[in-house]
Each structure stands twice: as structure tokens, then as C-alpha cells.
Amino acid sequence: MPVIQLYVSLFLFSALTLKSPIMPVTLNMNMAMPSWFDIIGLHPSAEEDVTGIKKASESIKALIEQEVHNGIPSHRIVLGGFSQGGALSLFTALTTHQKLAGVVALSCWLPLRNVISKSFSHTNKDISVLQCHGEADPLVPLVFGSVTVEKLKSILNPSNITLKTYPGLPHSACAEEMMDIKHFIEKHLPPVK
């Protein structure tokens, strides 16, 4: 059985996958790069690009709507992404009114976590989330993943939130992580008969 089935129509592994816009990024000395939103700093109390995050999330919601219009039930869609793509996937899943199958969040954080309650849609309060993080990630340290999991457990069904960590893994992926993702997708998107 293939890892990604026909009905897994949205899986955002990176900002480049869906052709994110090219924009100046504050953290990158304002140099232009593919980015869903501006990153001002990489620490838990850093200022966030509220407008950019919400605009990027609306773009993903429009893609979900397009897939639903094309006949894919929203409960057969898993959002996922790496780093900024994972952050955007989490935020979108928590704010969409479409019932989703799950979220795979790799080496990322929950954007706007201090104000997410104002935008939270209870549609996905029971959504399953697989969060994976390298223990040696120097760009998005593991503390971001830990803080995110605690926040998710406070607003979602805690038994549906899983954090997997990988010793020695930097801001990257590994074979064990890919197998964990494969098992998550197979569990939450069983084959269509």
C-alpha cells in the first residue's frame, strides 16, 4: 500500500511545496526567500506576523475548499508540514470550519499560541496531531515543540496529541520519522473501499 493515498490531497512538507510567496524575512536580514509569513525571531516570546499568518492560513483554507469542491471529503484531508509549513498546518487546522483527518507537524511551533483561543474553531477539537521534532534542532529548538504540545493539549483532546522526538536529529527529517508519519496516515486515512 502506498504511503500517500489518493485521498491525501494536502500534505505541505515545506514552504516550497505549494509555491509560497517570495518575501523579505526579518530573521533572514530582510532578504527575500520563500516564506508563508514573516519570521521576526525564533524564541517563544518573539513578535509574530499576525497578518501574514492569517493570510497564509486563508490560502490553505481555500485549497481545502477547492479539494472539497473536487469531491474529496474534508475528513479525508491531512494537513502537514515541516518548519513554517508545519506551523501553518497547525494554525489552519485549529481555525478552519472544515472537519479534517489530522495534522502532521514536523520541527515546528504553534503560531499565535497566546491568542489562538480567539480564533479557535471547535470543529477539529478531536483532531489527531502527530508532532515530530529533532532533539538537536538548532533552528526551531525542541522547547518550541514541547510548548506547542502543551498548548494543543489544553485546547484539543489531549489523548489525540502525540509528540515524537528523535535523538541527534537537527532541523531535518529521518527514516524513523517518515515511518511514524506513514503509520499516522495509515491509521487516520484507512483505504477507501
N, C-alpha and C. Protein backbone atom coordinates (compact mmCIF):
# COMPACT_ATOMS: atom_id res chain seq x y z
N MET A 1 0.85 -1.17 0.00
CA MET A 1 0.00 0.00 0.00
C MET A 1 0.89 1.24 0.00
N PRO A 2 0.63 2.22 -0.86
CA PRO A 2 1.45 3.42 -0.89
C PRO A 2 1.27 4.25 0.38
N VAL A 3 2.34 4.95 0.75
CA VAL A 3 2.31 5.79 1.95
C VAL A 3 1.27 6.88 1.81
N ILE A 4 1.28 7.55 0.70
CA ILE A 4 0.33 8.63 0.47
C ILE A 4 -0.72 8.12 -0.51
N GLN A 5 -1.94 8.02 -0.02
CA GLN A 5 -3.03 7.52 -0.84
C GLN A 5 -3.63 8.65 -1.66
N LEU A 6 -4.45 8.28 -2.61
CA LEU A 6 -5.10 9.25 -3.49
C LEU A 6 -5.82 10.34 -2.70
N TYR A 7 -6.46 9.97 -1.61
CA TYR A 7 -7.28 10.93 -0.88
C TYR A 7 -6.50 11.82 0.07
N VAL A 8 -5.22 11.64 0.17
CA VAL A 8 -4.41 12.57 0.95
C VAL A 8 -4.00 13.66 -0.02
N SER A 9 -4.81 14.69 -0.08
CA SER A 9 -4.61 15.68 -1.12
C SER A 9 -3.79 16.89 -0.68
N LEU A 10 -3.67 17.11 0.62
CA LEU A 10 -2.88 18.24 1.07
C LEU A 10 -1.87 17.75 2.09
N PHE A 11 -0.62 17.81 1.74
CA PHE A 11 0.43 17.49 2.71
C PHE A 11 1.58 18.42 2.42
N LEU A 12 1.71 19.45 3.22
CA LEU A 12 2.65 20.53 2.94
C LEU A 12 3.96 20.28 3.66
N PHE A 13 4.92 19.69 3.01
CA PHE A 13 6.18 19.41 3.69
C PHE A 13 7.10 20.60 3.79
N SER A 14 6.93 21.58 2.95
CA SER A 14 7.80 22.75 3.06
C SER A 14 7.14 23.95 2.44
N ALA A 15 7.70 25.10 2.72
CA ALA A 15 7.17 26.33 2.14
C ALA A 15 7.25 26.31 0.62
N LEU A 16 8.16 25.50 0.07
CA LEU A 16 8.32 25.46 -1.38
C LEU A 16 7.29 24.57 -2.07
N THR A 17 6.68 23.63 -1.35
CA THR A 17 5.78 22.67 -1.96
C THR A 17 4.63 23.33 -2.68
N LEU A 18 3.98 24.30 -2.06
CA LEU A 18 2.83 24.95 -2.66
C LEU A 18 3.18 26.33 -3.20
N LYS A 19 4.43 26.53 -3.49
CA LYS A 19 4.90 27.80 -4.05
C LYS A 19 4.51 28.97 -3.17
N SER A 20 5.02 28.95 -1.96
CA SER A 20 4.79 30.09 -1.07
C SER A 20 5.35 31.34 -1.71
N PRO A 21 4.84 32.48 -1.32
CA PRO A 21 5.36 33.72 -1.91
C PRO A 21 6.82 33.95 -1.53
N ILE A 22 7.49 34.73 -2.34
CA ILE A 22 8.85 35.18 -2.03
C ILE A 22 8.68 36.52 -1.33
N MET A 23 9.25 36.61 -0.14
CA MET A 23 9.11 37.86 0.61
C MET A 23 10.33 38.10 1.48
N PRO A 24 10.56 39.34 1.85
CA PRO A 24 11.64 39.61 2.80
C PRO A 24 11.27 39.01 4.17
N VAL A 25 12.25 38.37 4.80
CA VAL A 25 12.03 37.77 6.11
C VAL A 25 12.97 38.45 7.10
N THR A 26 12.39 39.03 8.12
CA THR A 26 13.16 39.79 9.11
C THR A 26 14.33 38.98 9.65
N LEU A 27 14.08 37.72 10.02
CA LEU A 27 15.13 36.88 10.60
C LEU A 27 16.26 36.59 9.61
N ASN A 28 15.97 36.72 8.33
CA ASN A 28 16.94 36.48 7.27
C ASN A 28 17.55 37.80 6.79
N MET A 29 17.74 38.74 7.72
CA MET A 29 18.30 40.06 7.41
C MET A 29 17.49 40.77 6.32
N ASN A 30 16.19 40.55 6.32
CA ASN A 30 15.24 41.13 5.36
C ASN A 30 15.49 40.71 3.92
N MET A 31 16.28 39.66 3.72
CA MET A 31 16.49 39.15 2.37
C MET A 31 15.26 38.35 1.96
N ALA A 32 14.91 38.42 0.68
CA ALA A 32 13.74 37.72 0.17
C ALA A 32 14.01 36.22 0.09
N MET A 33 13.00 35.43 0.46
CA MET A 33 13.09 33.98 0.40
C MET A 33 11.66 33.42 0.35
N PRO A 34 11.49 32.14 -0.06
CA PRO A 34 10.16 31.55 0.01
C PRO A 34 9.71 31.51 1.47
N SER A 35 8.55 32.07 1.74
CA SER A 35 8.08 32.13 3.12
C SER A 35 6.57 32.35 3.15
N TRP A 36 5.90 31.61 4.01
CA TRP A 36 4.44 31.78 4.16
C TRP A 36 4.11 33.07 4.88
N PHE A 37 5.00 33.48 5.80
CA PHE A 37 4.80 34.70 6.58
C PHE A 37 6.15 35.14 7.10
N ASP A 38 6.23 36.38 7.59
CA ASP A 38 7.48 36.90 8.10
C ASP A 38 7.82 36.22 9.43
N ILE A 39 9.09 35.94 9.63
CA ILE A 39 9.57 35.40 10.89
C ILE A 39 10.45 36.49 11.50
N ILE A 40 10.00 37.01 12.61
CA ILE A 40 10.69 38.13 13.23
C ILE A 40 11.78 37.65 14.17
N GLY A 41 11.53 36.55 14.85
CA GLY A 41 12.51 35.98 15.76
C GLY A 41 12.17 34.54 16.06
N LEU A 42 13.17 33.78 16.52
CA LEU A 42 12.95 32.37 16.86
C LEU A 42 13.16 32.15 18.35
N HIS A 43 12.28 32.70 19.13
CA HIS A 43 12.24 32.41 20.56
C HIS A 43 10.78 32.52 20.97
N PRO A 44 10.38 31.83 22.01
CA PRO A 44 8.96 31.76 22.38
C PRO A 44 8.26 33.10 22.57
N SER A 45 8.98 34.14 22.94
CA SER A 45 8.33 35.43 23.15
C SER A 45 8.50 36.40 21.98
N ALA A 46 9.00 35.91 20.84
CA ALA A 46 9.22 36.79 19.69
C ALA A 46 7.89 37.33 19.14
N GLU A 47 7.94 38.55 18.64
CA GLU A 47 6.79 39.14 17.96
C GLU A 47 6.45 38.27 16.75
N GLU A 48 5.16 38.17 16.42
CA GLU A 48 4.74 37.35 15.29
C GLU A 48 4.02 38.19 14.24
N ASP A 49 4.08 37.74 13.00
CA ASP A 49 3.44 38.38 11.87
C ASP A 49 1.97 37.95 11.80
N VAL A 50 1.13 38.57 12.62
CA VAL A 50 -0.27 38.18 12.74
C VAL A 50 -0.96 38.22 11.38
N THR A 51 -0.82 39.31 10.67
CA THR A 51 -1.48 39.48 9.37
C THR A 51 -1.00 38.42 8.38
N GLY A 52 0.31 38.20 8.32
CA GLY A 52 0.87 37.23 7.38
C GLY A 52 0.44 35.80 7.68
N ILE A 53 0.40 35.45 8.98
CA ILE A 53 -0.02 34.10 9.37
C ILE A 53 -1.47 33.86 8.98
N LYS A 54 -2.32 34.82 9.29
CA LYS A 54 -3.75 34.67 8.97
C LYS A 54 -3.98 34.64 7.46
N LYS A 55 -3.25 35.44 6.71
CA LYS A 55 -3.39 35.46 5.25
C LYS A 55 -2.95 34.12 4.66
N ALA A 56 -1.83 33.59 5.13
CA ALA A 56 -1.34 32.29 4.64
C ALA A 56 -2.33 31.19 4.98
N SER A 57 -2.90 31.24 6.18
CA SER A 57 -3.88 30.25 6.59
C SER A 57 -5.12 30.29 5.70
N GLU A 58 -5.54 31.48 5.33
CA GLU A 58 -6.70 31.61 4.43
C GLU A 58 -6.39 30.98 3.07
N SER A 59 -5.14 31.07 2.62
CA SER A 59 -4.75 30.42 1.35
C SER A 59 -4.89 28.91 1.46
N ILE A 60 -4.49 28.33 2.60
CA ILE A 60 -4.60 26.88 2.80
C ILE A 60 -6.07 26.49 2.91
N LYS A 61 -6.86 27.30 3.61
CA LYS A 61 -8.30 27.02 3.71
C LYS A 61 -8.96 27.03 2.33
N ALA A 62 -8.51 27.93 1.47
CA ALA A 62 -9.05 27.97 0.10
C ALA A 62 -8.69 26.69 -0.66
N LEU A 63 -7.48 26.16 -0.43
CA LEU A 63 -7.10 24.90 -1.07
C LEU A 63 -7.95 23.74 -0.54
N ILE A 64 -8.24 23.75 0.75
CA ILE A 64 -9.10 22.72 1.32
C ILE A 64 -10.48 22.80 0.67
N GLU A 65 -11.02 24.01 0.57
CA GLU A 65 -12.33 24.21 -0.08
C GLU A 65 -12.32 23.70 -1.51
N GLN A 66 -11.22 23.96 -2.22
CA GLN A 66 -11.10 23.51 -3.61
C GLN A 66 -11.12 21.98 -3.67
N GLU A 67 -10.41 21.33 -2.77
CA GLU A 67 -10.40 19.87 -2.74
C GLU A 67 -11.78 19.31 -2.41
N VAL A 68 -12.47 19.94 -1.47
CA VAL A 68 -13.84 19.51 -1.13
C VAL A 68 -14.74 19.69 -2.35
N HIS A 69 -14.61 20.81 -3.03
CA HIS A 69 -15.39 21.07 -4.26
C HIS A 69 -15.08 20.01 -5.33
N ASN A 70 -13.84 19.52 -5.34
CA ASN A 70 -13.44 18.49 -6.32
C ASN A 70 -13.86 17.08 -5.90
N GLY A 71 -14.54 16.97 -4.75
CA GLY A 71 -15.07 15.68 -4.34
C GLY A 71 -14.33 14.95 -3.24
N ILE A 72 -13.29 15.57 -2.70
CA ILE A 72 -12.55 14.95 -1.60
C ILE A 72 -13.20 15.40 -0.29
N PRO A 73 -13.76 14.48 0.49
CA PRO A 73 -14.35 14.90 1.77
C PRO A 73 -13.26 15.49 2.68
N SER A 74 -13.59 16.56 3.37
CA SER A 74 -12.58 17.20 4.21
C SER A 74 -12.04 16.26 5.29
N HIS A 75 -12.86 15.31 5.74
CA HIS A 75 -12.39 14.38 6.77
C HIS A 75 -11.40 13.35 6.21
N ARG A 76 -11.07 13.46 4.91
CA ARG A 76 -10.04 12.63 4.28
C ARG A 76 -8.80 13.46 3.96
N ILE A 77 -8.69 14.63 4.56
CA ILE A 77 -7.54 15.50 4.31
C ILE A 77 -6.69 15.60 5.58
N VAL A 78 -5.41 15.32 5.42
CA VAL A 78 -4.42 15.51 6.48
C VAL A 78 -3.57 16.72 6.09
N LEU A 79 -3.48 17.68 6.97
CA LEU A 79 -2.57 18.80 6.74
C LEU A 79 -1.24 18.44 7.38
N GLY A 80 -0.18 18.83 6.75
CA GLY A 80 1.12 18.55 7.32
C GLY A 80 2.16 19.47 6.75
N GLY A 81 3.22 19.63 7.49
CA GLY A 81 4.29 20.46 7.00
C GLY A 81 5.51 20.41 7.90
N PHE A 82 6.58 20.92 7.35
CA PHE A 82 7.87 20.98 8.03
C PHE A 82 8.19 22.44 8.33
N SER A 83 8.59 22.72 9.55
CA SER A 83 9.01 24.04 9.98
C SER A 83 7.86 25.04 9.82
N GLN A 84 8.01 26.03 8.99
CA GLN A 84 6.97 27.03 8.80
C GLN A 84 5.70 26.39 8.22
N GLY A 85 5.85 25.39 7.36
CA GLY A 85 4.70 24.67 6.81
C GLY A 85 3.94 23.91 7.88
N GLY A 86 4.67 23.36 8.86
CA GLY A 86 4.02 22.67 9.97
C GLY A 86 3.29 23.65 10.87
N ALA A 87 3.91 24.79 11.13
CA ALA A 87 3.28 25.83 11.94
C ALA A 87 1.98 26.28 11.29
N LEU A 88 2.02 26.51 9.99
CA LEU A 88 0.84 26.94 9.25
C LEU A 88 -0.23 25.84 9.24
N SER A 89 0.17 24.59 9.12
CA SER A 89 -0.77 23.48 9.15
C SER A 89 -1.50 23.41 10.49
N LEU A 90 -0.77 23.56 11.59
CA LEU A 90 -1.40 23.56 12.91
C LEU A 90 -2.39 24.71 13.06
N PHE A 91 -1.95 25.91 12.72
CA PHE A 91 -2.82 27.07 12.86
C PHE A 91 -4.08 26.92 12.01
N THR A 92 -3.91 26.44 10.79
CA THR A 92 -5.06 26.29 9.89
C THR A 92 -6.03 25.25 10.43
N ALA A 93 -5.52 24.11 10.89
CA ALA A 93 -6.40 23.07 11.43
C ALA A 93 -7.20 23.57 12.62
N LEU A 94 -6.62 24.43 13.42
CA LEU A 94 -7.31 24.93 14.61
C LEU A 94 -8.31 26.03 14.30
N THR A 95 -8.22 26.62 13.12
CA THR A 95 -9.09 27.76 12.80
C THR A 95 -10.05 27.50 11.65
N THR A 96 -9.95 26.35 10.99
CA THR A 96 -10.86 26.06 9.88
C THR A 96 -12.18 25.51 10.40
N HIS A 97 -13.21 25.68 9.60
CA HIS A 97 -14.53 25.11 9.92
C HIS A 97 -14.75 23.79 9.20
N GLN A 98 -13.73 23.33 8.46
CA GLN A 98 -13.79 22.03 7.79
C GLN A 98 -13.26 20.96 8.73
N LYS A 99 -13.96 19.85 8.87
CA LYS A 99 -13.52 18.73 9.69
C LYS A 99 -12.38 18.03 8.95
N LEU A 100 -11.21 17.94 9.56
CA LEU A 100 -10.03 17.34 8.93
C LEU A 100 -9.69 16.00 9.57
N ALA A 101 -8.89 15.19 8.85
CA ALA A 101 -8.48 13.87 9.35
C ALA A 101 -7.36 13.96 10.37
N GLY A 102 -6.49 14.93 10.24
CA GLY A 102 -5.36 15.02 11.15
C GLY A 102 -4.35 16.06 10.72
N VAL A 103 -3.31 16.19 11.54
CA VAL A 103 -2.22 17.12 11.25
C VAL A 103 -0.90 16.43 11.57
N VAL A 104 0.06 16.57 10.66
CA VAL A 104 1.43 16.14 10.89
C VAL A 104 2.26 17.41 10.94
N ALA A 105 2.85 17.68 12.10
CA ALA A 105 3.59 18.91 12.33
C ALA A 105 5.04 18.57 12.64
N LEU A 106 5.93 18.89 11.71
CA LEU A 106 7.32 18.49 11.83
C LEU A 106 8.22 19.69 12.14
N SER A 107 9.00 19.58 13.19
CA SER A 107 10.00 20.59 13.56
C SER A 107 9.42 22.00 13.53
N CYS A 108 8.33 22.17 14.25
CA CYS A 108 7.62 23.46 14.14
C CYS A 108 7.08 23.92 15.48
N TRP A 109 6.22 24.91 15.43
CA TRP A 109 5.64 25.56 16.59
C TRP A 109 4.21 25.95 16.25
N LEU A 110 3.43 26.34 17.25
CA LEU A 110 2.07 26.84 17.01
C LEU A 110 2.12 28.35 16.97
N PRO A 111 1.87 28.93 15.79
CA PRO A 111 1.86 30.39 15.70
C PRO A 111 0.68 30.98 16.47
N LEU A 112 0.87 32.16 16.97
CA LEU A 112 -0.17 32.91 17.67
C LEU A 112 -0.79 32.11 18.81
N ARG A 113 0.02 31.28 19.46
CA ARG A 113 -0.48 30.39 20.51
C ARG A 113 -1.09 31.15 21.68
N ASN A 114 -0.65 32.38 21.92
CA ASN A 114 -1.19 33.15 23.05
C ASN A 114 -2.56 33.75 22.77
N VAL A 115 -2.95 33.79 21.49
CA VAL A 115 -4.27 34.35 21.13
C VAL A 115 -5.11 33.37 20.32
N ILE A 116 -4.65 32.12 20.18
CA ILE A 116 -5.36 31.15 19.34
C ILE A 116 -6.79 30.91 19.84
N SER A 117 -7.02 31.05 21.11
CA SER A 117 -8.36 30.81 21.66
C SER A 117 -9.41 31.70 21.01
N LYS A 118 -9.02 32.90 20.59
CA LYS A 118 -9.96 33.83 19.96
C LYS A 118 -10.37 33.37 18.57
N SER A 119 -9.49 32.62 17.89
CA SER A 119 -9.76 32.16 16.52
C SER A 119 -10.13 30.69 16.46
N PHE A 120 -10.03 29.98 17.58
CA PHE A 120 -10.22 28.53 17.60
C PHE A 120 -11.62 28.13 17.16
N SER A 121 -11.65 27.21 16.19
CA SER A 121 -12.91 26.62 15.73
C SER A 121 -13.03 25.25 16.39
N HIS A 122 -14.12 25.00 17.05
CA HIS A 122 -14.29 23.73 17.76
C HIS A 122 -14.55 22.55 16.82
N THR A 123 -14.60 22.80 15.53
CA THR A 123 -14.82 21.75 14.54
C THR A 123 -13.81 20.63 14.67
N ASN A 124 -12.56 20.96 14.92
CA ASN A 124 -11.49 19.97 14.99
C ASN A 124 -10.98 19.75 16.41
N LYS A 125 -11.83 19.92 17.41
CA LYS A 125 -11.40 19.77 18.81
C LYS A 125 -10.93 18.35 19.11
N ASP A 126 -11.35 17.37 18.30
CA ASP A 126 -10.92 15.98 18.49
C ASP A 126 -9.92 15.52 17.43
N ILE A 127 -9.33 16.45 16.70
CA ILE A 127 -8.39 16.10 15.65
C ILE A 127 -7.14 15.43 16.24
N SER A 128 -6.58 14.50 15.49
CA SER A 128 -5.33 13.86 15.90
C SER A 128 -4.16 14.64 15.32
N VAL A 129 -3.15 14.84 16.17
CA VAL A 129 -1.96 15.59 15.77
C VAL A 129 -0.73 14.74 16.08
N LEU A 130 0.10 14.57 15.07
CA LEU A 130 1.41 13.95 15.26
C LEU A 130 2.44 15.07 15.13
N GLN A 131 3.13 15.36 16.23
CA GLN A 131 4.18 16.36 16.18
C GLN A 131 5.51 15.65 16.34
N CYS A 132 6.39 15.88 15.39
CA CYS A 132 7.72 15.26 15.38
C CYS A 132 8.77 16.36 15.49
N HIS A 133 9.83 16.08 16.26
CA HIS A 133 10.84 17.12 16.46
C HIS A 133 12.20 16.49 16.75
N GLY A 134 13.22 17.00 16.10
CA GLY A 134 14.58 16.56 16.38
C GLY A 134 15.07 17.14 17.69
N GLU A 135 15.70 16.31 18.49
CA GLU A 135 16.19 16.77 19.79
C GLU A 135 17.40 17.70 19.67
N ALA A 136 18.04 17.73 18.50
CA ALA A 136 19.21 18.58 18.29
C ALA A 136 18.91 19.70 17.29
N ASP A 137 17.66 20.12 17.19
CA ASP A 137 17.26 21.15 16.23
C ASP A 137 17.75 22.52 16.71
N PRO A 138 18.71 23.14 15.99
CA PRO A 138 19.21 24.44 16.42
C PRO A 138 18.35 25.61 15.94
N LEU A 139 17.54 25.40 14.88
CA LEU A 139 16.73 26.49 14.33
C LEU A 139 15.40 26.65 15.06
N VAL A 140 14.70 25.55 15.24
CA VAL A 140 13.44 25.54 15.99
C VAL A 140 13.66 24.55 17.14
N PRO A 141 14.22 25.01 18.24
CA PRO A 141 14.58 24.11 19.34
C PRO A 141 13.38 23.29 19.84
N LEU A 142 13.69 22.15 20.40
CA LEU A 142 12.68 21.23 20.90
C LEU A 142 11.71 21.89 21.88
N VAL A 143 12.15 22.91 22.59
CA VAL A 143 11.26 23.60 23.52
C VAL A 143 10.03 24.14 22.80
N PHE A 144 10.17 24.54 21.53
CA PHE A 144 9.03 25.01 20.74
C PHE A 144 8.02 23.88 20.58
N GLY A 145 8.50 22.68 20.28
CA GLY A 145 7.62 21.53 20.15
C GLY A 145 6.94 21.19 21.45
N SER A 146 7.68 21.25 22.54
CA SER A 146 7.12 20.94 23.86
C SER A 146 6.05 21.95 24.28
N VAL A 147 6.32 23.23 24.08
CA VAL A 147 5.35 24.28 24.40
C VAL A 147 4.10 24.12 23.53
N THR A 148 4.31 23.78 22.26
CA THR A 148 3.18 23.59 21.35
C THR A 148 2.31 22.43 21.80
N VAL A 149 2.92 21.32 22.15
CA VAL A 149 2.15 20.15 22.59
C VAL A 149 1.33 20.48 23.83
N GLU A 150 1.93 21.19 24.77
CA GLU A 150 1.18 21.57 25.99
C GLU A 150 0.00 22.47 25.65
N LYS A 151 0.20 23.41 24.73
CA LYS A 151 -0.90 24.29 24.33
C LYS A 151 -1.99 23.49 23.62
N LEU A 152 -1.59 22.60 22.71
CA LEU A 152 -2.56 21.78 21.99
C LEU A 152 -3.38 20.92 22.97
N LYS A 153 -2.71 20.36 23.96
CA LYS A 153 -3.41 19.53 24.94
C LYS A 153 -4.39 20.33 25.78
N SER A 154 -4.18 21.63 25.86
CA SER A 154 -5.10 22.47 26.65
C SER A 154 -6.35 22.87 25.86
N ILE A 155 -6.29 22.76 24.53
CA ILE A 155 -7.46 23.16 23.73
C ILE A 155 -8.06 22.02 22.92
N LEU A 156 -7.30 20.94 22.71
CA LEU A 156 -7.79 19.79 21.98
C LEU A 156 -7.89 18.60 22.93
N ASN A 157 -8.43 17.49 22.43
CA ASN A 157 -8.47 16.26 23.21
C ASN A 157 -7.03 15.80 23.44
N PRO A 158 -6.53 15.86 24.68
CA PRO A 158 -5.12 15.55 24.94
C PRO A 158 -4.70 14.15 24.49
N SER A 159 -5.62 13.21 24.49
CA SER A 159 -5.26 11.84 24.10
C SER A 159 -5.00 11.72 22.60
N ASN A 160 -5.34 12.75 21.83
CA ASN A 160 -5.13 12.73 20.38
C ASN A 160 -3.85 13.45 19.96
N ILE A 161 -3.07 13.92 20.92
CA ILE A 161 -1.84 14.67 20.63
C ILE A 161 -0.64 13.79 20.93
N THR A 162 0.22 13.59 19.93
CA THR A 162 1.41 12.76 20.10
C THR A 162 2.65 13.56 19.73
N LEU A 163 3.63 13.56 20.62
CA LEU A 163 4.93 14.17 20.33
C LEU A 163 5.96 13.06 20.24
N LYS A 164 6.64 12.99 19.09
CA LYS A 164 7.73 12.04 18.89
C LYS A 164 9.01 12.86 18.73
N THR A 165 10.04 12.49 19.48
CA THR A 165 11.32 13.18 19.35
C THR A 165 12.37 12.19 18.86
N TYR A 166 13.41 12.74 18.25
CA TYR A 166 14.44 11.92 17.61
C TYR A 166 15.82 12.41 18.06
N PRO A 167 16.53 11.58 18.86
CA PRO A 167 17.84 11.98 19.38
C PRO A 167 18.82 12.29 18.25
N GLY A 168 19.55 13.39 18.42
CA GLY A 168 20.60 13.76 17.47
C GLY A 168 20.10 14.38 16.18
N LEU A 169 18.79 14.45 15.97
CA LEU A 169 18.26 14.98 14.71
C LEU A 169 18.23 16.50 14.74
N PRO A 170 18.89 17.17 13.75
CA PRO A 170 18.82 18.63 13.67
C PRO A 170 17.51 19.06 12.99
N HIS A 171 17.48 20.21 12.38
CA HIS A 171 16.30 20.73 11.69
C HIS A 171 16.17 19.99 10.35
N SER A 172 15.74 18.76 10.45
CA SER A 172 15.73 17.87 9.30
C SER A 172 14.75 16.74 9.57
N ALA A 173 14.77 15.72 8.73
CA ALA A 173 13.92 14.54 8.90
C ALA A 173 14.80 13.30 8.90
N CYS A 174 14.23 12.18 9.35
CA CYS A 174 14.97 10.93 9.36
C CYS A 174 14.02 9.79 8.99
N ALA A 175 14.58 8.62 8.73
CA ALA A 175 13.78 7.47 8.31
C ALA A 175 12.77 7.07 9.37
N GLU A 176 13.16 7.08 10.64
CA GLU A 176 12.24 6.71 11.71
C GLU A 176 11.03 7.66 11.73
N GLU A 177 11.28 8.95 11.53
CA GLU A 177 10.21 9.94 11.49
C GLU A 177 9.27 9.66 10.32
N MET A 178 9.83 9.33 9.17
CA MET A 178 9.00 9.03 8.00
C MET A 178 8.11 7.81 8.25
N MET A 179 8.63 6.83 8.96
CA MET A 179 7.81 5.65 9.30
C MET A 179 6.70 6.03 10.28
N ASP A 180 6.99 6.91 11.23
CA ASP A 180 5.97 7.38 12.16
C ASP A 180 4.85 8.12 11.41
N ILE A 181 5.24 8.92 10.43
CA ILE A 181 4.25 9.63 9.61
C ILE A 181 3.42 8.64 8.81
N LYS A 182 4.07 7.66 8.22
CA LYS A 182 3.38 6.64 7.44
C LYS A 182 2.31 5.94 8.29
N HIS A 183 2.68 5.55 9.50
CA HIS A 183 1.73 4.86 10.39
C HIS A 183 0.58 5.78 10.79
N PHE A 184 0.87 7.05 11.03
CA PHE A 184 -0.16 8.02 11.38
C PHE A 184 -1.17 8.15 10.24
N ILE A 185 -0.66 8.32 9.03
CA ILE A 185 -1.55 8.48 7.86
C ILE A 185 -2.37 7.22 7.64
N GLU A 186 -1.74 6.08 7.73
CA GLU A 186 -2.48 4.81 7.54
C GLU A 186 -3.58 4.66 8.59
N LYS A 187 -3.31 5.09 9.80
CA LYS A 187 -4.31 4.97 10.87
C LYS A 187 -5.49 5.92 10.66
N HIS A 188 -5.19 7.14 10.25
CA HIS A 188 -6.23 8.17 10.16
C HIS A 188 -6.87 8.28 8.79
N LEU A 189 -6.27 7.66 7.80
CA LEU A 189 -6.85 7.62 6.46
C LEU A 189 -6.85 6.19 5.95
N PRO A 190 -7.71 5.35 6.53
CA PRO A 190 -7.74 3.97 6.04
C PRO A 190 -8.14 3.92 4.57
N PRO A 191 -7.77 2.85 3.87
CA PRO A 191 -8.11 2.76 2.44
C PRO A 191 -9.61 2.89 2.22
N VAL A 192 -9.95 3.52 1.12
CA VAL A 192 -11.36 3.65 0.73
C VAL A 192 -11.76 2.38 0.01
N LYS A 193 -12.84 1.81 0.43
CA LYS A 193 -13.31 0.54 -0.19
C LYS A 193 -14.18 0.82 -1.38
